[in-house]
């Protein structure tokens, strides 16, 4: 029985992200997990849900709940959430939903801002490409020698580029 994975899946369902996506999936990550690394829950996540997920991911496999217990808790959450009266569990899920919607709105606004800024930066970058390249200084010398520099200020002198 691998109830630990179910706890991770509960976290992924809650966040919509893959667990440990900031890490390279290798032996080092496995060792970190064995030493207690767990995905972090956000403030406002339904407390009862978080507690169950954390029990499933307990570092001591003997303290992890059996699948029958997890299923019974899940059923209880579902029943209480569907009741017409306001229960503590229902309230936790409703508050988490509200916070999630607010976070989604802020995220969408942030995405729009990032796209707008990216567009501005891209236009600027397209206009001003700075790249390293070899320049033949003899061509510059020839261009200066072709110019008839009278007494114009240096910033008004145009250098012909061929």
N, C-alpha and C. Protein backbone atom coordinates (compact mmCIF):
# COMPACT_ATOMS: atom_id res chain seq x y z
N UNK A 1 0.84 -1.19 0.00
CA UNK A 1 0.00 0.00 0.00
C UNK A 1 0.88 1.25 0.00
N UNK A 2 0.61 2.16 -0.89
CA UNK A 2 1.42 3.38 -1.00
C UNK A 2 0.52 4.59 -0.85
N UNK A 3 0.11 4.85 0.37
CA UNK A 3 -0.80 5.97 0.65
C UNK A 3 -0.06 7.30 0.58
N UNK A 4 1.29 7.27 0.69
CA UNK A 4 2.09 8.50 0.57
C UNK A 4 1.78 9.18 -0.75
N UNK A 5 1.78 8.42 -1.82
CA UNK A 5 1.52 8.99 -3.15
C UNK A 5 0.15 9.64 -3.22
N UNK A 6 -0.82 9.07 -2.52
CA UNK A 6 -2.15 9.67 -2.52
C UNK A 6 -2.12 11.04 -1.86
N UNK A 7 -1.34 11.19 -0.80
CA UNK A 7 -1.19 12.49 -0.16
C UNK A 7 -0.60 13.52 -1.11
N UNK A 8 0.38 13.09 -1.91
CA UNK A 8 0.99 13.98 -2.91
C UNK A 8 -0.05 14.34 -3.97
N UNK A 9 -0.84 13.36 -4.38
CA UNK A 9 -1.89 13.62 -5.38
C UNK A 9 -2.92 14.60 -4.82
N UNK A 10 -3.25 14.47 -3.54
CA UNK A 10 -4.18 15.42 -2.91
C UNK A 10 -3.62 16.83 -3.02
N UNK A 11 -2.31 16.98 -2.77
CA UNK A 11 -1.66 18.30 -2.87
C UNK A 11 -1.74 18.80 -4.31
N UNK A 12 -1.47 17.92 -5.27
CA UNK A 12 -1.49 18.32 -6.69
C UNK A 12 -2.89 18.74 -7.12
N UNK A 13 -3.91 18.04 -6.64
CA UNK A 13 -5.30 18.41 -6.96
C UNK A 13 -5.61 19.79 -6.38
N UNK A 14 -5.18 20.02 -5.16
CA UNK A 14 -5.46 21.28 -4.48
C UNK A 14 -4.77 22.46 -5.15
N UNK A 15 -3.52 22.26 -5.58
CA UNK A 15 -2.73 23.38 -6.12
C UNK A 15 -2.77 23.47 -7.64
N UNK A 16 -3.06 22.36 -8.30
CA UNK A 16 -3.02 22.35 -9.77
C UNK A 16 -1.60 22.32 -10.30
N UNK A 17 -0.64 22.00 -9.46
CA UNK A 17 0.76 21.94 -9.86
C UNK A 17 1.30 20.53 -9.62
N UNK A 18 2.43 20.23 -10.27
CA UNK A 18 3.11 18.98 -10.00
C UNK A 18 3.99 19.15 -8.77
N UNK A 19 3.97 18.16 -7.91
CA UNK A 19 4.80 18.22 -6.71
C UNK A 19 6.28 18.19 -7.08
N UNK A 20 7.05 18.96 -6.37
CA UNK A 20 8.51 19.01 -6.52
C UNK A 20 8.95 19.42 -7.92
N UNK A 21 8.15 20.25 -8.60
CA UNK A 21 8.50 20.65 -9.97
C UNK A 21 9.70 21.60 -10.01
N UNK A 22 10.13 22.08 -8.85
CA UNK A 22 11.33 22.93 -8.80
C UNK A 22 12.61 22.11 -8.66
N UNK A 23 12.45 20.81 -8.58
CA UNK A 23 13.60 19.93 -8.37
C UNK A 23 13.80 19.03 -9.59
N UNK A 24 15.04 18.62 -9.79
CA UNK A 24 15.33 17.63 -10.82
C UNK A 24 14.93 16.28 -10.23
N UNK A 25 14.25 15.47 -11.01
CA UNK A 25 13.79 14.18 -10.52
C UNK A 25 14.96 13.20 -10.60
N UNK A 26 15.61 13.01 -9.46
CA UNK A 26 16.77 12.12 -9.41
C UNK A 26 16.91 11.57 -8.00
N UNK A 27 18.03 10.91 -7.76
CA UNK A 27 18.29 10.30 -6.46
C UNK A 27 18.35 11.33 -5.35
N UNK A 28 18.90 12.51 -5.64
CA UNK A 28 18.99 13.56 -4.62
C UNK A 28 17.60 13.95 -4.11
N UNK A 29 16.64 14.06 -5.04
CA UNK A 29 15.27 14.40 -4.63
C UNK A 29 14.69 13.28 -3.77
N UNK A 30 14.90 12.04 -4.18
CA UNK A 30 14.38 10.91 -3.40
C UNK A 30 14.94 10.93 -1.97
N UNK A 31 16.21 11.25 -1.84
CA UNK A 31 16.83 11.32 -0.51
C UNK A 31 16.21 12.46 0.29
N UNK A 32 15.99 13.60 -0.35
CA UNK A 32 15.37 14.74 0.35
C UNK A 32 13.97 14.38 0.83
N UNK A 33 13.23 13.65 0.01
CA UNK A 33 11.88 13.23 0.39
C UNK A 33 11.96 12.27 1.58
N UNK A 34 12.91 11.35 1.53
CA UNK A 34 13.09 10.42 2.65
C UNK A 34 13.49 11.15 3.93
N UNK A 35 14.14 12.28 3.78
CA UNK A 35 14.56 13.07 4.94
C UNK A 35 13.49 14.07 5.38
N UNK A 36 12.33 14.03 4.73
CA UNK A 36 11.21 14.85 5.20
C UNK A 36 10.71 15.94 4.28
N UNK A 37 11.30 16.09 3.10
CA UNK A 37 10.81 17.11 2.17
C UNK A 37 9.38 16.77 1.75
N UNK A 38 8.50 17.72 1.88
CA UNK A 38 7.10 17.55 1.49
C UNK A 38 6.63 18.80 0.78
N UNK A 39 5.63 18.67 -0.11
CA UNK A 39 5.06 19.87 -0.72
C UNK A 39 4.41 20.73 0.36
N UNK A 40 4.48 22.03 0.20
CA UNK A 40 3.92 22.94 1.20
C UNK A 40 2.51 23.37 0.82
N UNK A 41 1.66 23.39 1.82
CA UNK A 41 0.29 23.85 1.62
C UNK A 41 0.23 25.34 1.89
N UNK A 42 -0.72 25.99 1.27
CA UNK A 42 -0.86 27.44 1.43
C UNK A 42 -1.83 27.77 2.55
N UNK A 43 -1.64 28.92 3.18
CA UNK A 43 -2.63 29.35 4.17
C UNK A 43 -3.99 29.48 3.49
N UNK A 44 -5.02 29.04 4.16
CA UNK A 44 -6.35 29.13 3.58
C UNK A 44 -6.81 27.83 2.94
N UNK A 45 -5.89 26.87 2.74
CA UNK A 45 -6.31 25.57 2.22
C UNK A 45 -7.18 24.91 3.28
N UNK A 46 -8.20 24.14 2.87
CA UNK A 46 -9.09 23.51 3.86
C UNK A 46 -8.29 22.68 4.87
N UNK A 47 -8.41 23.04 6.12
CA UNK A 47 -7.61 22.42 7.17
C UNK A 47 -7.79 20.90 7.24
N UNK A 48 -9.04 20.46 7.14
CA UNK A 48 -9.29 19.02 7.23
C UNK A 48 -8.63 18.26 6.08
N UNK A 49 -8.64 18.85 4.90
CA UNK A 49 -8.04 18.26 3.70
C UNK A 49 -6.52 18.21 3.86
N UNK A 50 -5.94 19.31 4.33
CA UNK A 50 -4.49 19.40 4.53
C UNK A 50 -4.04 18.37 5.56
N UNK A 51 -4.79 18.27 6.66
CA UNK A 51 -4.44 17.30 7.71
C UNK A 51 -4.42 15.88 7.16
N UNK A 52 -5.42 15.54 6.36
CA UNK A 52 -5.47 14.19 5.79
C UNK A 52 -4.30 13.96 4.84
N UNK A 53 -4.02 14.93 3.99
CA UNK A 53 -2.89 14.79 3.05
C UNK A 53 -1.58 14.64 3.81
N UNK A 54 -1.41 15.42 4.86
CA UNK A 54 -0.17 15.33 5.66
C UNK A 54 -0.06 13.98 6.36
N UNK A 55 -1.19 13.45 6.83
CA UNK A 55 -1.16 12.11 7.44
C UNK A 55 -0.70 11.08 6.41
N UNK A 56 -1.19 11.22 5.19
CA UNK A 56 -0.81 10.29 4.13
C UNK A 56 0.68 10.37 3.80
N UNK A 57 1.26 11.57 3.97
CA UNK A 57 2.67 11.78 3.64
C UNK A 57 3.57 11.72 4.87
N UNK A 58 3.07 11.18 5.97
CA UNK A 58 3.88 11.12 7.20
C UNK A 58 5.20 10.42 6.91
N UNK A 59 6.29 10.95 7.49
CA UNK A 59 7.61 10.37 7.23
C UNK A 59 7.74 8.95 7.80
N UNK A 60 6.91 8.61 8.77
CA UNK A 60 6.89 7.25 9.32
C UNK A 60 5.75 6.48 8.66
N UNK A 61 6.08 5.55 7.77
CA UNK A 61 5.03 4.80 7.06
C UNK A 61 4.02 4.11 7.98
N UNK A 62 4.45 3.77 9.20
CA UNK A 62 3.54 3.10 10.14
C UNK A 62 2.46 4.05 10.66
N UNK A 63 2.71 5.36 10.58
CA UNK A 63 1.73 6.35 11.04
C UNK A 63 0.77 6.79 9.94
N UNK A 64 1.02 6.34 8.72
CA UNK A 64 0.14 6.71 7.60
C UNK A 64 -1.17 5.94 7.71
N UNK A 65 -2.28 6.58 7.35
CA UNK A 65 -3.58 5.90 7.46
C UNK A 65 -3.75 4.82 6.38
N UNK A 66 -4.66 3.91 6.66
CA UNK A 66 -5.00 2.88 5.68
C UNK A 66 -5.91 3.50 4.62
N UNK A 67 -5.95 2.88 3.47
CA UNK A 67 -6.77 3.38 2.36
C UNK A 67 -8.24 3.45 2.74
N UNK A 68 -8.71 2.51 3.56
CA UNK A 68 -10.12 2.52 3.98
C UNK A 68 -10.43 3.77 4.80
N UNK A 69 -9.49 4.18 5.67
CA UNK A 69 -9.67 5.39 6.47
C UNK A 69 -9.71 6.62 5.56
N UNK A 70 -8.77 6.69 4.62
CA UNK A 70 -8.71 7.83 3.69
C UNK A 70 -10.00 7.93 2.90
N UNK A 71 -10.50 6.80 2.43
CA UNK A 71 -11.74 6.79 1.66
C UNK A 71 -12.93 7.24 2.52
N UNK A 72 -12.96 6.79 3.76
CA UNK A 72 -14.04 7.19 4.68
C UNK A 72 -13.99 8.70 4.93
N UNK A 73 -12.80 9.25 5.12
CA UNK A 73 -12.65 10.69 5.34
C UNK A 73 -13.09 11.47 4.10
N UNK A 74 -12.69 10.99 2.94
CA UNK A 74 -13.07 11.64 1.68
C UNK A 74 -14.58 11.65 1.53
N UNK A 75 -15.21 10.53 1.84
CA UNK A 75 -16.68 10.44 1.77
C UNK A 75 -17.33 11.41 2.75
N UNK A 76 -16.74 11.51 3.95
CA UNK A 76 -17.27 12.43 4.97
C UNK A 76 -17.17 13.87 4.48
N UNK A 77 -16.03 14.23 3.88
CA UNK A 77 -15.86 15.59 3.33
C UNK A 77 -16.95 15.88 2.31
N UNK A 78 -17.16 14.90 1.43
CA UNK A 78 -18.13 15.09 0.35
C UNK A 78 -19.54 15.25 0.91
N UNK A 79 -19.91 14.41 1.86
CA UNK A 79 -21.25 14.49 2.46
C UNK A 79 -21.45 15.84 3.16
N UNK A 80 -20.48 16.24 3.96
CA UNK A 80 -20.60 17.50 4.70
C UNK A 80 -20.59 18.71 3.77
N UNK A 81 -19.84 18.63 2.70
CA UNK A 81 -19.80 19.74 1.74
C UNK A 81 -21.12 19.87 1.00
N UNK A 82 -21.83 18.75 0.82
CA UNK A 82 -23.10 18.77 0.09
C UNK A 82 -24.30 19.09 0.98
N UNK A 83 -24.12 19.11 2.29
CA UNK A 83 -25.23 19.43 3.19
C UNK A 83 -25.65 20.88 3.01
N UNK A 84 -26.93 21.12 3.27
CA UNK A 84 -27.45 22.48 3.11
C UNK A 84 -27.03 23.40 4.25
N UNK A 85 -26.86 22.83 5.46
CA UNK A 85 -26.46 23.69 6.57
C UNK A 85 -24.94 23.92 6.56
N UNK A 86 -24.54 24.97 7.24
CA UNK A 86 -23.14 25.40 7.25
C UNK A 86 -22.35 24.59 8.28
N UNK A 87 -21.53 23.66 7.82
CA UNK A 87 -20.67 22.90 8.72
C UNK A 87 -19.27 23.50 8.69
N UNK A 88 -18.47 23.14 9.67
CA UNK A 88 -17.09 23.66 9.71
C UNK A 88 -16.33 23.23 8.47
N UNK A 89 -16.48 21.98 8.09
CA UNK A 89 -15.76 21.48 6.90
C UNK A 89 -16.24 22.18 5.65
N UNK A 90 -17.56 22.34 5.52
CA UNK A 90 -18.10 23.03 4.35
C UNK A 90 -17.56 24.46 4.30
N UNK A 91 -17.52 25.11 5.46
CA UNK A 91 -17.02 26.48 5.53
C UNK A 91 -15.54 26.53 5.10
N UNK A 92 -14.75 25.56 5.54
CA UNK A 92 -13.33 25.52 5.15
C UNK A 92 -13.18 25.43 3.63
N UNK A 93 -13.97 24.56 3.01
CA UNK A 93 -13.88 24.39 1.56
C UNK A 93 -14.38 25.63 0.82
N UNK A 94 -15.47 26.23 1.31
CA UNK A 94 -16.00 27.44 0.67
C UNK A 94 -15.00 28.60 0.77
N UNK A 95 -14.40 28.77 1.95
CA UNK A 95 -13.40 29.83 2.11
C UNK A 95 -12.19 29.58 1.22
N UNK A 96 -11.78 28.32 1.12
CA UNK A 96 -10.65 27.99 0.25
C UNK A 96 -10.99 28.27 -1.20
N UNK A 97 -12.24 27.97 -1.59
CA UNK A 97 -12.68 28.26 -2.97
C UNK A 97 -12.64 29.75 -3.25
N UNK A 98 -13.13 30.55 -2.29
CA UNK A 98 -13.11 32.01 -2.46
C UNK A 98 -11.68 32.53 -2.59
N UNK A 99 -10.80 32.04 -1.73
CA UNK A 99 -9.40 32.48 -1.79
C UNK A 99 -8.76 32.03 -3.10
N UNK A 100 -9.12 30.85 -3.55
CA UNK A 100 -8.58 30.35 -4.82
C UNK A 100 -9.04 31.21 -5.99
N UNK A 101 -10.33 31.59 -5.97
CA UNK A 101 -10.85 32.45 -7.04
C UNK A 101 -10.16 33.81 -7.03
N UNK A 102 -9.95 34.37 -5.84
CA UNK A 102 -9.24 35.65 -5.73
C UNK A 102 -7.81 35.52 -6.24
N UNK A 103 -7.16 34.42 -5.87
CA UNK A 103 -5.78 34.19 -6.33
C UNK A 103 -5.75 34.03 -7.85
N UNK A 104 -6.76 33.33 -8.39
CA UNK A 104 -6.83 33.17 -9.85
C UNK A 104 -6.99 34.51 -10.54
N UNK A 105 -7.84 35.38 -9.97
CA UNK A 105 -8.03 36.72 -10.55
C UNK A 105 -6.73 37.50 -10.54
N UNK A 106 -6.04 37.46 -9.39
CA UNK A 106 -4.75 38.17 -9.29
C UNK A 106 -3.75 37.59 -10.27
N UNK A 107 -3.78 36.28 -10.41
CA UNK A 107 -2.85 35.62 -11.33
C UNK A 107 -3.14 36.03 -12.77
N UNK A 108 -4.43 36.10 -13.14
CA UNK A 108 -4.79 36.52 -14.49
C UNK A 108 -4.37 37.96 -14.74
N UNK A 109 -4.59 38.82 -13.74
CA UNK A 109 -4.16 40.21 -13.88
C UNK A 109 -2.65 40.29 -14.03
N UNK A 110 -1.95 39.49 -13.25
CA UNK A 110 -0.49 39.44 -13.34
C UNK A 110 -0.04 38.94 -14.70
N UNK A 111 -0.72 37.90 -15.21
CA UNK A 111 -0.39 37.37 -16.54
C UNK A 111 -0.56 38.43 -17.61
N UNK A 112 -1.66 39.20 -17.52
CA UNK A 112 -1.89 40.26 -18.49
C UNK A 112 -0.78 41.30 -18.43
N UNK A 113 -0.38 41.65 -17.21
CA UNK A 113 0.69 42.64 -17.03
C UNK A 113 2.01 42.11 -17.59
N UNK A 114 2.30 40.85 -17.33
CA UNK A 114 3.54 40.25 -17.83
C UNK A 114 3.54 40.24 -19.35
N UNK A 115 2.40 39.88 -19.96
CA UNK A 115 2.32 39.87 -21.43
C UNK A 115 2.54 41.27 -21.98
N UNK A 116 1.92 42.25 -21.33
CA UNK A 116 2.06 43.64 -21.78
C UNK A 116 3.51 44.09 -21.67
N UNK A 117 4.13 43.83 -20.53
CA UNK A 117 5.52 44.21 -20.33
C UNK A 117 6.44 43.45 -21.27
N UNK A 118 6.15 42.16 -21.48
CA UNK A 118 6.96 41.36 -22.40
C UNK A 118 6.90 41.92 -23.80
N UNK A 119 5.71 42.37 -24.20
CA UNK A 119 5.53 42.96 -25.53
C UNK A 119 6.35 44.23 -25.66
N UNK A 120 6.32 45.07 -24.63
CA UNK A 120 7.09 46.32 -24.65
C UNK A 120 8.58 46.02 -24.70
N UNK A 121 9.01 45.09 -23.86
CA UNK A 121 10.44 44.73 -23.82
C UNK A 121 10.86 44.13 -25.15
N UNK A 122 10.01 43.26 -25.72
CA UNK A 122 10.35 42.63 -27.00
C UNK A 122 10.50 43.67 -28.09
N UNK A 123 9.58 44.64 -28.14
CA UNK A 123 9.68 45.71 -29.14
C UNK A 123 10.97 46.48 -28.96
N UNK A 124 11.29 46.76 -27.72
CA UNK A 124 12.53 47.48 -27.41
C UNK A 124 13.74 46.65 -27.82
N UNK A 125 13.69 45.37 -27.54
CA UNK A 125 14.81 44.50 -27.89
C UNK A 125 14.94 44.35 -29.40
N UNK A 126 13.80 44.26 -30.09
CA UNK A 126 13.85 44.15 -31.55
C UNK A 126 14.45 45.41 -32.16
N UNK A 127 14.14 46.54 -31.55
CA UNK A 127 14.63 47.82 -32.07
C UNK A 127 16.11 48.02 -31.76
N UNK A 128 16.53 47.57 -30.62
CA UNK A 128 17.91 47.80 -30.18
C UNK A 128 18.63 46.48 -29.95
N UNK A 129 19.02 45.82 -31.00
CA UNK A 129 19.74 44.56 -30.86
C UNK A 129 21.21 44.85 -30.58
N UNK A 130 21.68 44.35 -29.47
CA UNK A 130 23.08 44.50 -29.12
C UNK A 130 23.74 43.13 -29.24
N UNK A 131 24.58 43.00 -30.22
CA UNK A 131 25.30 41.75 -30.39
C UNK A 131 26.77 42.05 -30.62
N UNK A 132 27.60 41.13 -30.25
CA UNK A 132 29.03 41.30 -30.49
C UNK A 132 29.34 40.92 -31.92
N UNK A 133 30.15 41.73 -32.58
CA UNK A 133 30.58 41.40 -33.93
C UNK A 133 31.90 42.10 -34.22
N UNK A 134 32.63 41.57 -35.16
CA UNK A 134 33.90 42.17 -35.56
C UNK A 134 33.62 43.38 -36.44
N UNK A 135 34.34 44.43 -36.17
CA UNK A 135 34.19 45.65 -36.97
C UNK A 135 35.54 45.96 -37.60
N UNK A 136 35.51 46.21 -38.90
CA UNK A 136 36.73 46.58 -39.61
C UNK A 136 36.98 48.07 -39.39
N UNK A 137 37.94 48.39 -38.57
CA UNK A 137 38.21 49.80 -38.25
C UNK A 137 38.73 50.58 -39.44
N UNK A 138 39.26 49.89 -40.44
CA UNK A 138 39.74 50.60 -41.64
C UNK A 138 38.56 51.24 -42.38
N UNK A 139 37.41 50.58 -42.37
CA UNK A 139 36.23 51.15 -43.01
C UNK A 139 35.81 52.45 -42.33
N UNK A 140 35.94 52.49 -41.02
CA UNK A 140 35.60 53.71 -40.28
C UNK A 140 36.56 54.83 -40.65
N UNK A 141 37.84 54.50 -40.73
CA UNK A 141 38.85 55.51 -41.09
C UNK A 141 38.57 56.06 -42.48
N UNK A 142 38.22 55.17 -43.43
CA UNK A 142 37.91 55.61 -44.80
C UNK A 142 36.70 56.53 -44.80
N UNK A 143 35.69 56.18 -44.03
CA UNK A 143 34.48 57.00 -43.99
C UNK A 143 34.79 58.39 -43.46
N UNK A 144 35.62 58.47 -42.44
CA UNK A 144 36.00 59.79 -41.90
C UNK A 144 36.80 60.59 -42.91
N UNK A 145 37.66 59.95 -43.65
CA UNK A 145 38.50 60.69 -44.60
C UNK A 145 37.69 61.21 -45.77
N UNK A 146 36.55 60.56 -46.09
CA UNK A 146 35.70 61.01 -47.20
C UNK A 146 34.86 62.22 -46.79
N UNK A 147 34.70 62.40 -45.50
CA UNK A 147 33.84 63.49 -45.03
C UNK A 147 34.56 64.82 -45.12
N UNK A 148 33.80 65.83 -45.42
CA UNK A 148 34.35 67.19 -45.42
C UNK A 148 33.89 67.82 -44.13
N UNK A 149 34.73 67.73 -43.15
CA UNK A 149 34.37 68.29 -41.85
C UNK A 149 34.78 69.75 -41.87
N UNK A 150 33.77 70.58 -41.86
CA UNK A 150 34.04 72.01 -41.88
C UNK A 150 34.18 72.45 -40.44
N UNK A 151 33.26 73.18 -39.95
CA UNK A 151 33.35 73.60 -38.55
C UNK A 151 32.08 73.21 -37.79
N UNK A 152 31.39 72.20 -38.28
CA UNK A 152 30.15 71.75 -37.62
C UNK A 152 30.50 71.03 -36.33
N UNK A 153 29.62 71.17 -35.35
CA UNK A 153 29.85 70.42 -34.11
C UNK A 153 29.86 68.92 -34.40
N UNK A 154 30.60 68.17 -33.64
CA UNK A 154 30.79 66.74 -33.91
C UNK A 154 29.49 65.94 -33.88
N UNK A 155 28.51 66.35 -33.05
CA UNK A 155 27.27 65.58 -32.98
C UNK A 155 26.35 65.86 -34.16
N UNK A 156 26.69 66.81 -35.01
CA UNK A 156 25.91 67.07 -36.22
C UNK A 156 26.54 66.45 -37.46
N UNK A 157 27.69 65.85 -37.33
CA UNK A 157 28.39 65.26 -38.47
C UNK A 157 27.83 63.87 -38.72
N UNK A 158 27.45 63.63 -39.97
CA UNK A 158 26.95 62.31 -40.34
C UNK A 158 28.08 61.51 -40.94
N UNK A 159 28.18 60.27 -40.51
CA UNK A 159 29.22 59.39 -41.03
C UNK A 159 28.56 58.45 -42.02
N UNK A 160 29.00 58.47 -43.29
CA UNK A 160 28.40 57.57 -44.27
C UNK A 160 28.77 56.12 -43.97
N UNK A 161 27.77 55.26 -44.00
CA UNK A 161 28.01 53.83 -43.77
C UNK A 161 27.68 53.10 -45.05
N UNK A 162 28.61 52.33 -45.51
CA UNK A 162 28.42 51.60 -46.78
C UNK A 162 28.05 50.17 -46.54
